[in-house]
Amino acid sequence: MSIQRHDAGPRMSKAVVHNDTVYLAGLTADKAKGKSVTEQTKEILSLIDGYLATCGTDKSKLLRANIWITDMKTFGEMNAVWDAWVSPGNTPARATVEAKLAAPEYNVEIMVVAAK
């Protein structure tokens, strides 16, 4: 059984690869912290692209996505960025819920699972 951990810390790893599946932690936008949902979503999706590439895969192989937003009124704003980014014909199973996040400056958190 092969397990690879990327950006592993004492609490969590940002990415874990087990066999042919890549699991990303919930990612937030540190550079766009406190900025709009659009800016935060763009940064997070860029981070996802980077971690998936590091793990040997890409967004066309997404299996599942969980998205947390702090206000459902921004659902359309987040979706506009998501829809422009997601691989056409390869959309994952997805859930989006409204939730409080770890810090009030975060408006979006996204977690994905992908095949290799």
PDB file of N, CA and C in Angstrom:
ATOM      1  N   MET A   1       0.848  -1.184   0.000  1.00  0.00           N
ATOM      2  CA  MET A   1       0.000   0.000   0.000  1.00  0.00           C
ATOM      3  C   MET A   1       0.890   1.242   0.000  1.00  0.00           C
ATOM      4  N   SER A   2       0.696   2.077  -0.990  1.00  0.00           N
ATOM      5  CA  SER A   2       1.496   3.281  -1.153  1.00  0.00           C
ATOM      6  C   SER A   2       0.691   4.509  -0.745  1.00  0.00           C
ATOM      7  N   ILE A   3       1.256   5.317   0.140  1.00  0.00           N
ATOM      8  CA  ILE A   3       0.643   6.592   0.526  1.00  0.00           C
ATOM      9  C   ILE A   3       1.718   7.667   0.434  1.00  0.00           C
ATOM     10  N   GLN A   4       1.419   8.736  -0.304  1.00  0.00           N
ATOM     11  CA  GLN A   4       2.315   9.883  -0.392  1.00  0.00           C
ATOM     12  C   GLN A   4       1.596  11.095   0.189  1.00  0.00           C
ATOM     13  N   ARG A   5       2.319  11.863   0.988  1.00  0.00           N
ATOM     14  CA  ARG A   5       1.743  13.065   1.595  1.00  0.00           C
ATOM     15  C   ARG A   5       2.509  14.290   1.110  1.00  0.00           C
ATOM     16  N   HIS A   6       1.784  15.339   0.731  1.00  0.00           N
ATOM     17  CA  HIS A   6       2.386  16.578   0.238  1.00  0.00           C
ATOM     18  C   HIS A   6       2.013  17.721   1.170  1.00  0.00           C
ATOM     19  N   ASP A   7       2.989  18.580   1.445  1.00  0.00           N
ATOM     20  CA  ASP A   7       2.807  19.696   2.380  1.00  0.00           C
ATOM     21  C   ASP A   7       2.204  19.189   3.690  1.00  0.00           C
ATOM     22  N   ALA A   8       2.840  18.165   4.238  1.00  0.00           N
ATOM     23  CA  ALA A   8       2.377  17.563   5.491  1.00  0.00           C
ATOM     24  C   ALA A   8       2.799  18.415   6.677  1.00  0.00           C
ATOM     25  N   GLY A   9       1.874  18.655   7.558  1.00  0.00           N
ATOM     26  CA  GLY A   9       2.147  19.394   8.783  1.00  0.00           C
ATOM     27  C   GLY A   9       1.712  18.579   9.979  1.00  0.00           C
ATOM     28  N   PRO A  10       1.790  19.150  11.165  1.00  0.00           N
ATOM     29  CA  PRO A  10       1.414  18.405  12.370  1.00  0.00           C
ATOM     30  C   PRO A  10      -0.088  18.134  12.467  1.00  0.00           C
ATOM     31  N   ARG A  11      -0.905  18.918  11.761  1.00  0.00           N
ATOM     32  CA  ARG A  11      -2.357  18.763  11.839  1.00  0.00           C
ATOM     33  C   ARG A  11      -2.934  18.075  10.609  1.00  0.00           C
ATOM     34  N   MET A  12      -2.375  18.363   9.432  1.00  0.00           N
ATOM     35  CA  MET A  12      -2.944  17.812   8.198  1.00  0.00           C
ATOM     36  C   MET A  12      -1.927  17.892   7.073  1.00  0.00           C
ATOM     37  N   SER A  13      -2.225  17.180   6.006  1.00  0.00           N
ATOM     38  CA  SER A  13      -1.478  17.269   4.753  1.00  0.00           C
ATOM     39  C   SER A  13      -2.370  17.986   3.750  1.00  0.00           C
ATOM     40  N   LYS A  14      -1.771  18.807   2.892  1.00  0.00           N
ATOM     41  CA  LYS A  14      -2.563  19.508   1.872  1.00  0.00           C
ATOM     42  C   LYS A  14      -3.043  18.547   0.796  1.00  0.00           C
ATOM     43  N   ALA A  15      -2.251  17.487   0.530  1.00  0.00           N
ATOM     44  CA  ALA A  15      -2.635  16.487  -0.465  1.00  0.00           C
ATOM     45  C   ALA A  15      -2.122  15.123  -0.024  1.00  0.00           C
ATOM     46  N   VAL A  16      -2.941  14.110  -0.265  1.00  0.00           N
ATOM     47  CA  VAL A  16      -2.562  12.731   0.032  1.00  0.00           C
ATOM     48  C   VAL A  16      -2.907  11.886  -1.189  1.00  0.00           C
ATOM     49  N   VAL A  17      -1.932  11.084  -1.611  1.00  0.00           N
ATOM     50  CA  VAL A  17      -2.144  10.175  -2.739  1.00  0.00           C
ATOM     51  C   VAL A  17      -2.120   8.760  -2.200  1.00  0.00           C
ATOM     52  N   HIS A  18      -3.183   8.022  -2.488  1.00  0.00           N
ATOM     53  CA  HIS A  18      -3.277   6.613  -2.104  1.00  0.00           C
ATOM     54  C   HIS A  18      -3.644   5.830  -3.352  1.00  0.00           C
ATOM     55  N   ASN A  19      -2.756   4.943  -3.765  1.00  0.00           N
ATOM     56  CA  ASN A  19      -2.943   4.209  -5.014  1.00  0.00           C
ATOM     57  C   ASN A  19      -3.181   5.204  -6.149  1.00  0.00           C
ATOM     58  N   ASP A  20      -4.311   5.157  -6.809  1.00  0.00           N
ATOM     59  CA  ASP A  20      -4.577   6.047  -7.937  1.00  0.00           C
ATOM     60  C   ASP A  20      -5.600   7.133  -7.611  1.00  0.00           C
ATOM     61  N   THR A  21      -5.695   7.501  -6.323  1.00  0.00           N
ATOM     62  CA  THR A  21      -6.641   8.535  -5.906  1.00  0.00           C
ATOM     63  C   THR A  21      -5.895   9.649  -5.183  1.00  0.00           C
ATOM     64  N   VAL A  22      -6.250  10.886  -5.507  1.00  0.00           N
ATOM     65  CA  VAL A  22      -5.637  12.068  -4.899  1.00  0.00           C
ATOM     66  C   VAL A  22      -6.699  12.771  -4.065  1.00  0.00           C
ATOM     67  N   TYR A  23      -6.397  12.999  -2.796  1.00  0.00           N
ATOM     68  CA  TYR A  23      -7.301  13.669  -1.863  1.00  0.00           C
ATOM     69  C   TYR A  23      -6.677  15.002  -1.471  1.00  0.00           C
ATOM     70  N   LEU A  24      -7.377  16.095  -1.738  1.00  0.00           N
ATOM     71  CA  LEU A  24      -6.887  17.398  -1.303  1.00  0.00           C
ATOM     72  C   LEU A  24      -7.634  17.830  -0.052  1.00  0.00           C
ATOM     73  N   ALA A  25      -6.923  18.506   0.829  1.00  0.00           N
ATOM     74  CA  ALA A  25      -7.545  19.091   2.015  1.00  0.00           C
ATOM     75  C   ALA A  25      -8.434  20.249   1.569  1.00  0.00           C
ATOM     76  N   GLY A  26      -9.277  20.716   2.457  1.00  0.00           N
ATOM     77  CA  GLY A  26     -10.038  21.932   2.175  1.00  0.00           C
ATOM     78  C   GLY A  26      -9.059  23.087   2.042  1.00  0.00           C
ATOM     79  N   LEU A  27      -9.092  23.772   0.913  1.00  0.00           N
ATOM     80  CA  LEU A  27      -8.152  24.860   0.647  1.00  0.00           C
ATOM     81  C   LEU A  27      -8.863  26.204   0.720  1.00  0.00           C
ATOM     82  N   THR A  28      -8.172  27.175   1.283  1.00  0.00           N
ATOM     83  CA  THR A  28      -8.670  28.542   1.377  1.00  0.00           C
ATOM     84  C   THR A  28      -7.671  29.475   0.695  1.00  0.00           C
ATOM     85  N   ALA A  29      -8.087  30.705   0.470  1.00  0.00           N
ATOM     86  CA  ALA A  29      -7.274  31.681  -0.261  1.00  0.00           C
ATOM     87  C   ALA A  29      -6.536  32.588   0.713  1.00  0.00           C
ATOM     88  N   ASP A  30      -5.250  32.355   0.912  1.00  0.00           N
ATOM     89  CA  ASP A  30      -4.492  33.197   1.826  1.00  0.00           C
ATOM     90  C   ASP A  30      -4.133  34.546   1.216  1.00  0.00           C
ATOM     91  N   LYS A  31      -3.803  34.576  -0.072  1.00  0.00           N
ATOM     92  CA  LYS A  31      -3.456  35.848  -0.719  1.00  0.00           C
ATOM     93  C   LYS A  31      -4.683  36.738  -0.876  1.00  0.00           C
ATOM     94  N   ALA A  32      -5.840  36.118  -1.132  1.00  0.00           N
ATOM     95  CA  ALA A  32      -7.088  36.882  -1.327  1.00  0.00           C
ATOM     96  C   ALA A  32      -7.935  36.919  -0.055  1.00  0.00           C
ATOM     97  N   LYS A  33      -7.347  36.585   1.075  1.00  0.00           N
ATOM     98  CA  LYS A  33      -8.066  36.609   2.354  1.00  0.00           C
ATOM     99  C   LYS A  33      -8.702  37.982   2.551  1.00  0.00           C
ATOM    100  N   GLY A  34      -9.994  37.995   2.863  1.00  0.00           N
ATOM    101  CA  GLY A  34     -10.710  39.245   3.084  1.00  0.00           C
ATOM    102  C   GLY A  34     -11.232  39.892   1.808  1.00  0.00           C
ATOM    103  N   LYS A  35     -10.898  39.310   0.653  1.00  0.00           N
ATOM    104  CA  LYS A  35     -11.357  39.867  -0.622  1.00  0.00           C
ATOM    105  C   LYS A  35     -12.633  39.171  -1.069  1.00  0.00           C
ATOM    106  N   SER A  36     -13.065  39.444  -2.277  1.00  0.00           N
ATOM    107  CA  SER A  36     -14.344  38.943  -2.783  1.00  0.00           C
ATOM    108  C   SER A  36     -14.347  37.423  -2.963  1.00  0.00           C
ATOM    109  N   VAL A  37     -15.545  36.874  -3.049  1.00  0.00           N
ATOM    110  CA  VAL A  37     -15.719  35.451  -3.319  1.00  0.00           C
ATOM    111  C   VAL A  37     -15.083  35.101  -4.662  1.00  0.00           C
ATOM    112  N   THR A  38     -15.209  35.971  -5.642  1.00  0.00           N
ATOM    113  CA  THR A  38     -14.602  35.741  -6.949  1.00  0.00           C
ATOM    114  C   THR A  38     -13.096  35.588  -6.829  1.00  0.00           C
ATOM    115  N   GLU A  39     -12.448  36.529  -6.164  1.00  0.00           N
ATOM    116  CA  GLU A  39     -10.991  36.487  -6.007  1.00  0.00           C
ATOM    117  C   GLU A  39     -10.553  35.272  -5.205  1.00  0.00           C
ATOM    118  N   GLN A  40     -11.275  34.964  -4.132  1.00  0.00           N
ATOM    119  CA  GLN A  40     -10.907  33.810  -3.317  1.00  0.00           C
ATOM    120  C   GLN A  40     -11.090  32.510  -4.095  1.00  0.00           C
ATOM    121  N   THR A  41     -12.177  32.385  -4.835  1.00  0.00           N
ATOM    122  CA  THR A  41     -12.424  31.167  -5.603  1.00  0.00           C
ATOM    123  C   THR A  41     -11.344  30.984  -6.665  1.00  0.00           C
ATOM    124  N   LYS A  42     -10.977  32.054  -7.367  1.00  0.00           N
ATOM    125  CA  LYS A  42      -9.921  31.972  -8.380  1.00  0.00           C
ATOM    126  C   LYS A  42      -8.610  31.487  -7.758  1.00  0.00           C
ATOM    127  N   GLU A  43      -8.249  32.028  -6.615  1.00  0.00           N
ATOM    128  CA  GLU A  43      -6.998  31.611  -5.968  1.00  0.00           C
ATOM    129  C   GLU A  43      -7.058  30.146  -5.561  1.00  0.00           C
ATOM    130  N   ILE A  44      -8.167  29.735  -4.972  1.00  0.00           N
ATOM    131  CA  ILE A  44      -8.297  28.342  -4.532  1.00  0.00           C
ATOM    132  C   ILE A  44      -8.215  27.385  -5.723  1.00  0.00           C
ATOM    133  N   LEU A  45      -8.881  27.699  -6.807  1.00  0.00           N
ATOM    134  CA  LEU A  45      -8.855  26.824  -7.980  1.00  0.00           C
ATOM    135  C   LEU A  45      -7.448  26.757  -8.581  1.00  0.00           C
ATOM    136  N   SER A  46      -6.707  27.847  -8.499  1.00  0.00           N
ATOM    137  CA  SER A  46      -5.313  27.840  -8.939  1.00  0.00           C
ATOM    138  C   SER A  46      -4.472  26.929  -8.035  1.00  0.00           C
ATOM    139  N   LEU A  47      -4.728  26.990  -6.734  1.00  0.00           N
ATOM    140  CA  LEU A  47      -4.034  26.096  -5.802  1.00  0.00           C
ATOM    141  C   LEU A  47      -4.365  24.632  -6.103  1.00  0.00           C
ATOM    142  N   ILE A  48      -5.635  24.372  -6.380  1.00  0.00           N
ATOM    143  CA  ILE A  48      -6.056  23.009  -6.715  1.00  0.00           C
ATOM    144  C   ILE A  48      -5.315  22.526  -7.957  1.00  0.00           C
ATOM    145  N   ASP A  49      -5.234  23.366  -8.987  1.00  0.00           N
ATOM    146  CA  ASP A  49      -4.493  22.998 -10.189  1.00  0.00           C
ATOM    147  C   ASP A  49      -3.053  22.620  -9.849  1.00  0.00           C
ATOM    148  N   GLY A  50      -2.429  23.408  -8.996  1.00  0.00           N
ATOM    149  CA  GLY A  50      -1.038  23.153  -8.608  1.00  0.00           C
ATOM    150  C   GLY A  50      -0.862  21.848  -7.860  1.00  0.00           C
ATOM    151  N   TYR A  51      -1.718  21.602  -6.868  1.00  0.00           N
ATOM    152  CA  TYR A  51      -1.608  20.357  -6.105  1.00  0.00           C
ATOM    153  C   TYR A  51      -1.908  19.143  -6.973  1.00  0.00           C
ATOM    154  N   LEU A  52      -2.904  19.253  -7.830  1.00  0.00           N
ATOM    155  CA  LEU A  52      -3.216  18.124  -8.712  1.00  0.00           C
ATOM    156  C   LEU A  52      -2.032  17.826  -9.631  1.00  0.00           C
ATOM    157  N   ALA A  53      -1.394  18.854 -10.183  1.00  0.00           N
ATOM    158  CA  ALA A  53      -0.226  18.656 -11.047  1.00  0.00           C
ATOM    159  C   ALA A  53       0.913  17.995 -10.275  1.00  0.00           C
ATOM    160  N   THR A  54       1.159  18.470  -9.060  1.00  0.00           N
ATOM    161  CA  THR A  54       2.199  17.874  -8.217  1.00  0.00           C
ATOM    162  C   THR A  54       1.948  16.398  -7.981  1.00  0.00           C
ATOM    163  N   CYS A  55       0.682  16.039  -7.891  1.00  0.00           N
ATOM    164  CA  CYS A  55       0.296  14.646  -7.614  1.00  0.00           C
ATOM    165  C   CYS A  55       0.102  13.817  -8.880  1.00  0.00           C
ATOM    166  N   GLY A  56       0.362  14.407 -10.052  1.00  0.00           N
ATOM    167  CA  GLY A  56       0.305  13.655 -11.292  1.00  0.00           C
ATOM    168  C   GLY A  56      -1.063  13.537 -11.933  1.00  0.00           C
ATOM    169  N   THR A  57      -1.919  14.529 -11.715  1.00  0.00           N
ATOM    170  CA  THR A  57      -3.248  14.497 -12.319  1.00  0.00           C
ATOM    171  C   THR A  57      -3.685  15.917 -12.651  1.00  0.00           C
ATOM    172  N   ASP A  58      -4.943  16.087 -13.023  1.00  0.00           N
ATOM    173  CA  ASP A  58      -5.459  17.421 -13.343  1.00  0.00           C
ATOM    174  C   ASP A  58      -6.970  17.459 -13.141  1.00  0.00           C
ATOM    175  N   LYS A  59      -7.553  18.633 -13.342  1.00  0.00           N
ATOM    176  CA  LYS A  59      -8.970  18.840 -13.057  1.00  0.00           C
ATOM    177  C   LYS A  59      -9.900  18.016 -13.936  1.00  0.00           C
ATOM    178  N   SER A  60      -9.423  17.501 -15.041  1.00  0.00           N
ATOM    179  CA  SER A  60     -10.278  16.661 -15.890  1.00  0.00           C
ATOM    180  C   SER A  60     -10.556  15.304 -15.239  1.00  0.00           C
ATOM    181  N   LYS A  61      -9.832  15.014 -14.173  1.00  0.00           N
ATOM    182  CA  LYS A  61     -10.010  13.728 -13.489  1.00  0.00           C
ATOM    183  C   LYS A  61     -10.640  13.883 -12.100  1.00  0.00           C
ATOM    184  N   LEU A  62     -11.269  15.036 -11.862  1.00  0.00           N
ATOM    185  CA  LEU A  62     -11.961  15.243 -10.587  1.00  0.00           C
ATOM    186  C   LEU A  62     -13.089  14.232 -10.424  1.00  0.00           C
ATOM    187  N   LEU A  63     -13.205  13.692  -9.219  1.00  0.00           N
ATOM    188  CA  LEU A  63     -14.280  12.766  -8.883  1.00  0.00           C
ATOM    189  C   LEU A  63     -15.342  13.438  -8.029  1.00  0.00           C
ATOM    190  N   ARG A  64     -14.881  14.245  -7.072  1.00  0.00           N
ATOM    191  CA  ARG A  64     -15.799  14.861  -6.113  1.00  0.00           C
ATOM    192  C   ARG A  64     -15.257  16.213  -5.681  1.00  0.00           C
ATOM    193  N   ALA A  65     -16.175  17.132  -5.395  1.00  0.00           N
ATOM    194  CA  ALA A  65     -15.809  18.437  -4.848  1.00  0.00           C
ATOM    195  C   ALA A  65     -16.790  18.804  -3.745  1.00  0.00           C
ATOM    196  N   ASN A  66     -16.256  19.296  -2.650  1.00  0.00           N
ATOM    197  CA  ASN A  66     -17.066  19.846  -1.567  1.00  0.00           C
ATOM    198  C   ASN A  66     -16.699  21.318  -1.465  1.00  0.00           C
ATOM    199  N   ILE A  67     -17.707  22.177  -1.479  1.00  0.00           N
ATOM    200  CA  ILE A  67     -17.477  23.612  -1.417  1.00  0.00           C
ATOM    201  C   ILE A  67     -18.262  24.181  -0.241  1.00  0.00           C
ATOM    202  N   TRP A  68     -17.570  24.982   0.547  1.00  0.00           N
ATOM    203  CA  TRP A  68     -18.217  25.679   1.655  1.00  0.00           C
ATOM    204  C   TRP A  68     -18.128  27.171   1.362  1.00  0.00           C
ATOM    205  N   ILE A  69     -19.255  27.866   1.472  1.00  0.00           N
ATOM    206  CA  ILE A  69     -19.268  29.321   1.331  1.00  0.00           C
ATOM    207  C   ILE A  69     -19.968  29.908   2.562  1.00  0.00           C
ATOM    208  N   THR A  70     -19.575  31.106   2.929  1.00  0.00           N
ATOM    209  CA  THR A  70     -20.110  31.692   4.158  1.00  0.00           C
ATOM    210  C   THR A  70     -21.475  32.335   3.974  1.00  0.00           C
ATOM    211  N   ASP A  71     -21.877  32.563   2.722  1.00  0.00           N
ATOM    212  CA  ASP A  71     -23.165  33.197   2.467  1.00  0.00           C
ATOM    213  C   ASP A  71     -23.714  32.690   1.136  1.00  0.00           C
ATOM    214  N   MET A  72     -24.858  32.017   1.164  1.00  0.00           N
ATOM    215  CA  MET A  72     -25.454  31.474  -0.057  1.00  0.00           C
ATOM    216  C   MET A  72     -25.811  32.567  -1.066  1.00  0.00           C
ATOM    217  N   LYS A  73     -25.841  33.812  -0.638  1.00  0.00           N
ATOM    218  CA  LYS A  73     -26.087  34.904  -1.584  1.00  0.00           C
ATOM    219  C   LYS A  73     -24.938  35.017  -2.588  1.00  0.00           C
ATOM    220  N   THR A  74     -23.773  34.459  -2.264  1.00  0.00           N
ATOM    221  CA  THR A  74     -22.614  34.517  -3.157  1.00  0.00           C
ATOM    222  C   THR A  74     -22.459  33.238  -3.988  1.00  0.00           C
ATOM    223  N   PHE A  75     -23.447  32.365  -3.941  1.00  0.00           N
ATOM    224  CA  PHE A  75     -23.416  31.098  -4.673  1.00  0.00           C
ATOM    225  C   PHE A  75     -23.201  31.322  -6.175  1.00  0.00           C
ATOM    226  N   GLY A  76     -23.929  32.256  -6.752  1.00  0.00           N
ATOM    227  CA  GLY A  76     -23.794  32.548  -8.178  1.00  0.00           C
ATOM    228  C   GLY A  76     -22.422  33.093  -8.528  1.00  0.00           C
ATOM    229  N   GLU A  77     -21.887  33.940  -7.671  1.00  0.00           N
ATOM    230  CA  GLU A  77     -20.553  34.520  -7.881  1.00  0.00           C
ATOM    231  C   GLU A  77     -19.489  33.423  -7.886  1.00  0.00           C
ATOM    232  N   MET A  78     -19.574  32.519  -6.919  1.00  0.00           N
ATOM    233  CA  MET A  78     -18.631  31.404  -6.850  1.00  0.00           C
ATOM    234  C   MET A  78     -18.812  30.501  -8.065  1.00  0.00           C
ATOM    235  N   ASN A  79     -20.063  30.202  -8.435  1.00  0.00           N
ATOM    236  CA  ASN A  79     -20.329  29.329  -9.579  1.00  0.00           C
ATOM    237  C   ASN A  79     -19.802  29.900 -10.891  1.00  0.00           C
ATOM    238  N   ALA A  80     -19.838  31.213 -11.060  1.00  0.00           N
ATOM    239  CA  ALA A  80     -19.329  31.825 -12.292  1.00  0.00           C
ATOM    240  C   ALA A  80     -17.847  31.495 -12.474  1.00  0.00           C
ATOM    241  N   VAL A  81     -17.091  31.561 -11.391  1.00  0.00           N
ATOM    242  CA  VAL A  81     -15.661  31.236 -11.449  1.00  0.00           C
ATOM    243  C   VAL A  81     -15.481  29.728 -11.647  1.00  0.00           C
ATOM    244  N   TRP A  82     -16.210  28.928 -10.887  1.00  0.00           N
ATOM    245  CA  TRP A  82     -16.141  27.468 -11.001  1.00  0.00           C
ATOM    246  C   TRP A  82     -16.451  27.017 -12.428  1.00  0.00           C
ATOM    247  N   ASP A  83     -17.560  27.530 -12.996  1.00  0.00           N
ATOM    248  CA  ASP A  83     -17.996  27.109 -14.330  1.00  0.00           C
ATOM    249  C   ASP A  83     -16.962  27.444 -15.407  1.00  0.00           C
ATOM    250  N   ALA A  84     -16.256  28.555 -15.249  1.00  0.00           N
ATOM    251  CA  ALA A  84     -15.215  28.936 -16.207  1.00  0.00           C
ATOM    252  C   ALA A  84     -13.969  28.062 -16.058  1.00  0.00           C
ATOM    253  N   TRP A  85     -13.778  27.462 -14.895  1.00  0.00           N
ATOM    254  CA  TRP A  85     -12.575  26.673 -14.595  1.00  0.00           C
ATOM    255  C   TRP A  85     -12.756  25.186 -14.842  1.00  0.00           C
ATOM    256  N   VAL A  86     -13.889  24.629 -14.468  1.00  0.00           N
ATOM    257  CA  VAL A  86     -14.077  23.175 -14.476  1.00  0.00           C
ATOM    258  C   VAL A  86     -13.948  22.630 -15.907  1.00  0.00           C
ATOM    259  N   SER A  87     -13.433  21.417 -16.029  1.00  0.00           N
ATOM    260  CA  SER A  87     -13.220  20.794 -17.336  1.00  0.00           C
ATOM    261  C   SER A  87     -14.559  20.355 -17.949  1.00  0.00           C
ATOM    262  N   PRO A  88     -14.946  20.943 -19.085  1.00  0.00           N
ATOM    263  CA  PRO A  88     -16.225  20.588 -19.709  1.00  0.00           C
ATOM    264  C   PRO A  88     -16.314  19.080 -19.988  1.00  0.00           C
ATOM    265  N   GLY A  89     -17.450  18.502 -19.648  1.00  0.00           N
ATOM    266  CA  GLY A  89     -17.654  17.074 -19.846  1.00  0.00           C
ATOM    267  C   GLY A  89     -17.039  16.202 -18.773  1.00  0.00           C
ATOM    268  N   ASN A  90     -16.320  16.823 -17.840  1.00  0.00           N
ATOM    269  CA  ASN A  90     -15.653  16.072 -16.770  1.00  0.00           C
ATOM    270  C   ASN A  90     -16.006  16.618 -15.394  1.00  0.00           C
ATOM    271  N   THR A  91     -17.223  17.103 -15.241  1.00  0.00           N
ATOM    272  CA  THR A  91     -17.609  17.710 -13.969  1.00  0.00           C
ATOM    273  C   THR A  91     -17.736  16.642 -12.885  1.00  0.00           C
ATOM    274  N   PRO A  92     -17.259  16.953 -11.688  1.00  0.00           N
ATOM    275  CA  PRO A  92     -17.311  15.989 -10.594  1.00  0.00           C
ATOM    276  C   PRO A  92     -18.670  15.987  -9.896  1.00  0.00           C
ATOM    277  N   ALA A  93     -18.887  14.979  -9.071  1.00  0.00           N
ATOM    278  CA  ALA A  93     -19.993  15.043  -8.117  1.00  0.00           C
ATOM    279  C   ALA A  93     -19.641  16.197  -7.178  1.00  0.00           C
ATOM    280  N   ARG A  94     -20.636  17.010  -6.801  1.00  0.00           N
ATOM    281  CA  ARG A  94     -20.312  18.213  -6.037  1.00  0.00           C
ATOM    282  C   ARG A  94     -21.403  18.551  -5.044  1.00  0.00           C
ATOM    283  N   ALA A  95     -20.990  19.084  -3.910  1.00  0.00           N
ATOM    284  CA  ALA A  95     -21.916  19.612  -2.919  1.00  0.00           C
ATOM    285  C   ALA A  95     -21.413  20.992  -2.514  1.00  0.00           C
ATOM    286  N   THR A  96     -22.346  21.918  -2.297  1.00  0.00           N
ATOM    287  CA  THR A  96     -22.006  23.248  -1.804  1.00  0.00           C
ATOM    288  C   THR A  96     -22.914  23.550  -0.618  1.00  0.00           C
ATOM    289  N   VAL A  97     -22.310  23.958   0.480  1.00  0.00           N
ATOM    290  CA  VAL A  97     -23.083  24.283   1.675  1.00  0.00           C
ATOM    291  C   VAL A  97     -22.627  25.616   2.251  1.00  0.00           C
ATOM    292  N   GLU A  98     -23.517  26.264   2.974  1.00  0.00           N
ATOM    293  CA  GLU A  98     -23.195  27.489   3.695  1.00  0.00           C
ATOM    294  C   GLU A  98     -22.679  27.096   5.076  1.00  0.00           C
ATOM    295  N   ALA A  99     -21.553  27.691   5.452  1.00  0.00           N
ATOM    296  CA  ALA A  99     -20.947  27.347   6.750  1.00  0.00           C
ATOM    297  C   ALA A  99     -20.035  28.469   7.217  1.00  0.00           C
ATOM    298  N   LYS A 100     -19.815  28.540   8.520  1.00  0.00           N
ATOM    299  CA  LYS A 100     -18.779  29.415   9.057  1.00  0.00           C
ATOM    300  C   LYS A 100     -17.448  28.726   8.798  1.00  0.00           C
ATOM    301  N   LEU A 101     -16.452  29.508   8.402  1.00  0.00           N
ATOM    302  CA  LEU A 101     -15.133  28.944   8.132  1.00  0.00           C
ATOM    303  C   LEU A 101     -14.172  29.293   9.267  1.00  0.00           C
ATOM    304  N   ALA A 102     -12.937  28.840   9.154  1.00  0.00           N
ATOM    305  CA  ALA A 102     -11.961  28.950  10.238  1.00  0.00           C
ATOM    306  C   ALA A 102     -11.669  30.382  10.665  1.00  0.00           C
ATOM    307  N   ALA A 103     -11.767  31.326   9.740  1.00  0.00           N
ATOM    308  CA  ALA A 103     -11.521  32.738  10.057  1.00  0.00           C
ATOM    309  C   ALA A 103     -12.530  33.580   9.278  1.00  0.00           C
ATOM    310  N   PRO A 104     -12.950  34.706   9.839  1.00  0.00           N
ATOM    311  CA  PRO A 104     -13.972  35.520   9.173  1.00  0.00           C
ATOM    312  C   PRO A 104     -13.524  36.105   7.831  1.00  0.00           C
ATOM    313  N   GLU A 105     -12.224  36.141   7.554  1.00  0.00           N
ATOM    314  CA  GLU A 105     -11.724  36.672   6.280  1.00  0.00           C
ATOM    315  C   GLU A 105     -11.881  35.676   5.131  1.00  0.00           C
ATOM    316  N   TYR A 106     -12.162  34.424   5.474  1.00  0.00           N
ATOM    317  CA  TYR A 106     -12.364  33.401   4.441  1.00  0.00           C
ATOM    318  C   TYR A 106     -13.839  33.326   4.078  1.00  0.00           C
ATOM    319  N   ASN A 107     -14.129  33.373   2.775  1.00  0.00           N
ATOM    320  CA  ASN A 107     -15.498  33.275   2.283  1.00  0.00           C
ATOM    321  C   ASN A 107     -15.773  31.960   1.569  1.00  0.00           C
ATOM    322  N   VAL A 108     -14.704  31.262   1.176  1.00  0.00           N
ATOM    323  CA  VAL A 108     -14.830  30.040   0.390  1.00  0.00           C
ATOM    324  C   VAL A 108     -13.774  29.041   0.843  1.00  0.00           C
ATOM    325  N   GLU A 109     -14.154  27.763   0.864  1.00  0.00           N
ATOM    326  CA  GLU A 109     -13.206  26.668   1.065  1.00  0.00           C
ATOM    327  C   GLU A 109     -13.620  25.546   0.122  1.00  0.00           C
ATOM    328  N   ILE A 110     -12.637  24.959  -0.554  1.00  0.00           N
ATOM    329  CA  ILE A 110     -12.932  23.904  -1.525  1.00  0.00           C
ATOM    330  C   ILE A 110     -12.026  22.712  -1.275  1.00  0.00           C
ATOM    331  N   MET A 111     -12.621  21.531  -1.315  1.00  0.00           N
ATOM    332  CA  MET A 111     -11.922  20.259  -1.129  1.00  0.00           C
ATOM    333  C   MET A 111     -12.287  19.347  -2.304  1.00  0.00           C
ATOM    334  N   VAL A 112     -11.290  18.713  -2.923  1.00  0.00           N
ATOM    335  CA  VAL A 112     -11.567  17.840  -4.050  1.00  0.00           C
ATOM    336  C   VAL A 112     -10.883  16.483  -3.900  1.00  0.00           C
ATOM    337  N   VAL A 113     -11.413  15.520  -4.636  1.00  0.00           N
ATOM    338  CA  VAL A 113     -10.826  14.196  -4.780  1.00  0.00           C
ATOM    339  C   VAL A 113     -10.723  13.952  -6.280  1.00  0.00           C
ATOM    340  N   ALA A 114      -9.579  13.413  -6.724  1.00  0.00           N
ATOM    341  CA  ALA A 114      -9.373  13.160  -8.145  1.00  0.00           C
ATOM    342  C   ALA A 114      -8.715  11.801  -8.365  1.00  0.00           C
ATOM    343  N   ALA A 115      -8.952  11.246  -9.538  1.00  0.00           N
ATOM    344  CA  ALA A 115      -8.253  10.042  -9.969  1.00  0.00           C
ATOM    345  C   ALA A 115      -6.915  10.463 -10.559  1.00  0.00           C
ATOM    346  N   LYS A 116      -5.963   9.539 -10.615  1.00  0.00           N
ATOM    347  CA  LYS A 116      -4.669   9.831 -11.269  1.00  0.00           C
ATOM    348  C   LYS A 116      -4.758   9.486 -12.722  1.00  0.00           C
TER     349      LYS A 116
END
